[in-house]
Amino acid sequence: MSTTVQHRLIAMVACTLLIGLFIPLWAQEKPAAVAVDRKVLDRQVDALLKVIIDTGADVHNGSPKQGIPPNPAGCYRLYRDFLLALRPLLGYHADLQNAIETGL
């Protein structure tokens, strides 16, 4: 698998997972009155973080057996973009939003 194909696959997985976080919000009839269960959102974010971390590790380390070179810059971009997309969802966790802002 080439590096370009790997990047596209990673981007597609990340987008699909992020869209999965927003589907409950889109399903509501009254967008102004949307109530999100914070515990459910926290569980979804936690599960997504595990996937992103594992994917980033695979991108960073590459796969010598499959001829995929290590790509630390790609791993960085994946983590950075995920955190930028996640930050607005964490409005009820001001400490986490500040940590993301400070870290980036």
Protein backbone atom coordinates (compact mmCIF):
# COMPACT_ATOMS: atom_id res chain seq x y z
CA MET A 1 0.00 0.00 0.00
CA SER A 2 1.50 3.33 -1.00
CA THR A 3 1.85 6.23 1.39
CA THR A 4 -0.75 8.24 -0.54
CA VAL A 5 -3.27 5.43 -0.32
CA GLN A 6 -2.52 5.04 3.38
CA HIS A 7 -3.08 8.78 3.98
CA ARG A 8 -6.36 8.70 2.09
CA LEU A 9 -7.50 5.67 4.08
CA ILE A 10 -6.61 7.36 7.36
CA ALA A 11 -8.37 10.56 6.35
CA MET A 12 -11.45 8.61 5.32
CA VAL A 13 -11.53 6.71 8.63
CA ALA A 14 -11.10 9.90 10.65
CA CYS A 15 -13.84 11.72 8.70
CA THR A 16 -16.21 8.79 9.04
CA LEU A 17 -15.68 8.66 12.79
CA LEU A 18 -16.11 12.42 13.18
CA ILE A 19 -19.32 12.31 11.16
CA GLY A 20 -20.52 9.57 13.50
CA LEU A 21 -20.20 12.03 16.38
CA PHE A 22 -22.39 14.58 14.60
CA ILE A 23 -25.17 12.26 13.35
CA PRO A 24 -27.13 12.41 16.65
CA LEU A 25 -27.11 16.20 16.38
CA TRP A 26 -28.39 16.18 12.78
CA ALA A 27 -31.19 13.72 13.58
CA GLN A 28 -33.00 16.19 15.84
CA GLU A 29 -35.97 18.09 14.42
CA LYS A 30 -35.22 21.33 16.28
CA PRO A 31 -31.52 22.19 15.99
CA ALA A 32 -31.87 25.10 18.44
CA ALA A 33 -33.14 22.74 21.16
CA VAL A 34 -30.56 19.99 20.76
CA ALA A 35 -29.58 18.37 24.02
CA VAL A 36 -26.50 16.19 23.94
CA ASP A 37 -25.96 13.65 26.67
CA ARG A 38 -22.49 14.55 27.89
CA LYS A 39 -21.72 11.06 29.14
CA VAL A 40 -22.56 9.55 25.74
CA LEU A 41 -20.47 12.18 23.97
CA ASP A 42 -17.58 11.56 26.35
CA ARG A 43 -17.72 7.81 25.63
CA GLN A 44 -17.80 8.45 21.88
CA VAL A 45 -14.86 10.84 22.09
CA ASP A 46 -12.94 8.35 24.24
CA ALA A 47 -13.52 5.55 21.71
CA LEU A 48 -12.53 7.83 18.84
CA LEU A 49 -9.35 8.92 20.64
CA LYS A 50 -8.27 5.29 20.93
CA VAL A 51 -8.74 4.79 17.18
CA ILE A 52 -6.90 8.02 16.30
CA ILE A 53 -3.99 7.20 18.64
CA ASP A 54 -3.63 3.68 17.20
CA THR A 55 -3.87 4.98 13.64
CA GLY A 56 -1.32 7.73 14.38
CA ALA A 57 1.09 5.17 15.81
CA ASP A 58 0.75 3.06 12.66
CA VAL A 59 1.38 6.11 10.46
CA HIS A 60 4.34 7.24 12.59
CA ASN A 61 6.02 3.83 12.61
CA GLY A 62 5.13 2.75 9.08
CA SER A 63 5.19 -0.89 8.08
CA PRO A 64 8.54 -2.12 6.80
CA LYS A 65 7.03 -5.51 5.92
CA GLN A 66 4.55 -3.82 3.59
CA GLY A 67 7.05 -1.26 2.32
CA ILE A 68 5.35 1.69 4.05
CA PRO A 69 7.94 4.14 5.38
CA PRO A 70 7.58 5.87 8.77
CA ASN A 71 5.72 9.17 8.53
CA PRO A 72 6.04 11.26 11.73
CA ALA A 73 4.75 14.38 9.96
CA GLY A 74 1.61 12.53 8.85
CA CYS A 75 1.05 11.36 12.42
CA TYR A 76 1.39 14.93 13.67
CA ARG A 77 -1.12 16.22 11.10
CA LEU A 78 -3.60 13.48 12.01
CA TYR A 79 -3.39 14.31 15.73
CA ARG A 80 -3.47 18.07 15.17
CA ASP A 81 -6.47 17.95 12.83
CA PHE A 82 -8.36 15.66 15.16
CA LEU A 83 -7.78 17.96 18.13
CA LEU A 84 -8.84 21.01 16.11
CA ALA A 85 -12.06 19.25 15.12
CA LEU A 86 -12.67 17.98 18.67
CA ARG A 87 -12.09 21.25 20.51
CA PRO A 88 -15.51 22.87 19.79
CA LEU A 89 -17.33 19.73 20.95
CA LEU A 90 -15.77 20.03 24.40
CA GLY A 91 -17.51 23.25 25.42
CA TYR A 92 -18.48 21.74 28.76
CA HIS A 93 -14.84 20.76 29.44
CA ALA A 94 -13.14 24.16 29.54
CA ASP A 95 -9.99 22.60 31.01
CA LEU A 96 -9.65 20.25 28.03
CA GLN A 97 -10.30 23.06 25.55
CA ASN A 98 -7.57 25.13 27.22
CA ALA A 99 -5.19 22.16 27.17
CA ILE A 100 -5.78 21.67 23.43
CA GLU A 101 -5.31 25.37 22.74
CA THR A 102 -2.14 25.53 24.84
CA GLY A 103 -0.73 22.35 23.35
CA LEU A 104 -1.28 23.43 19.77
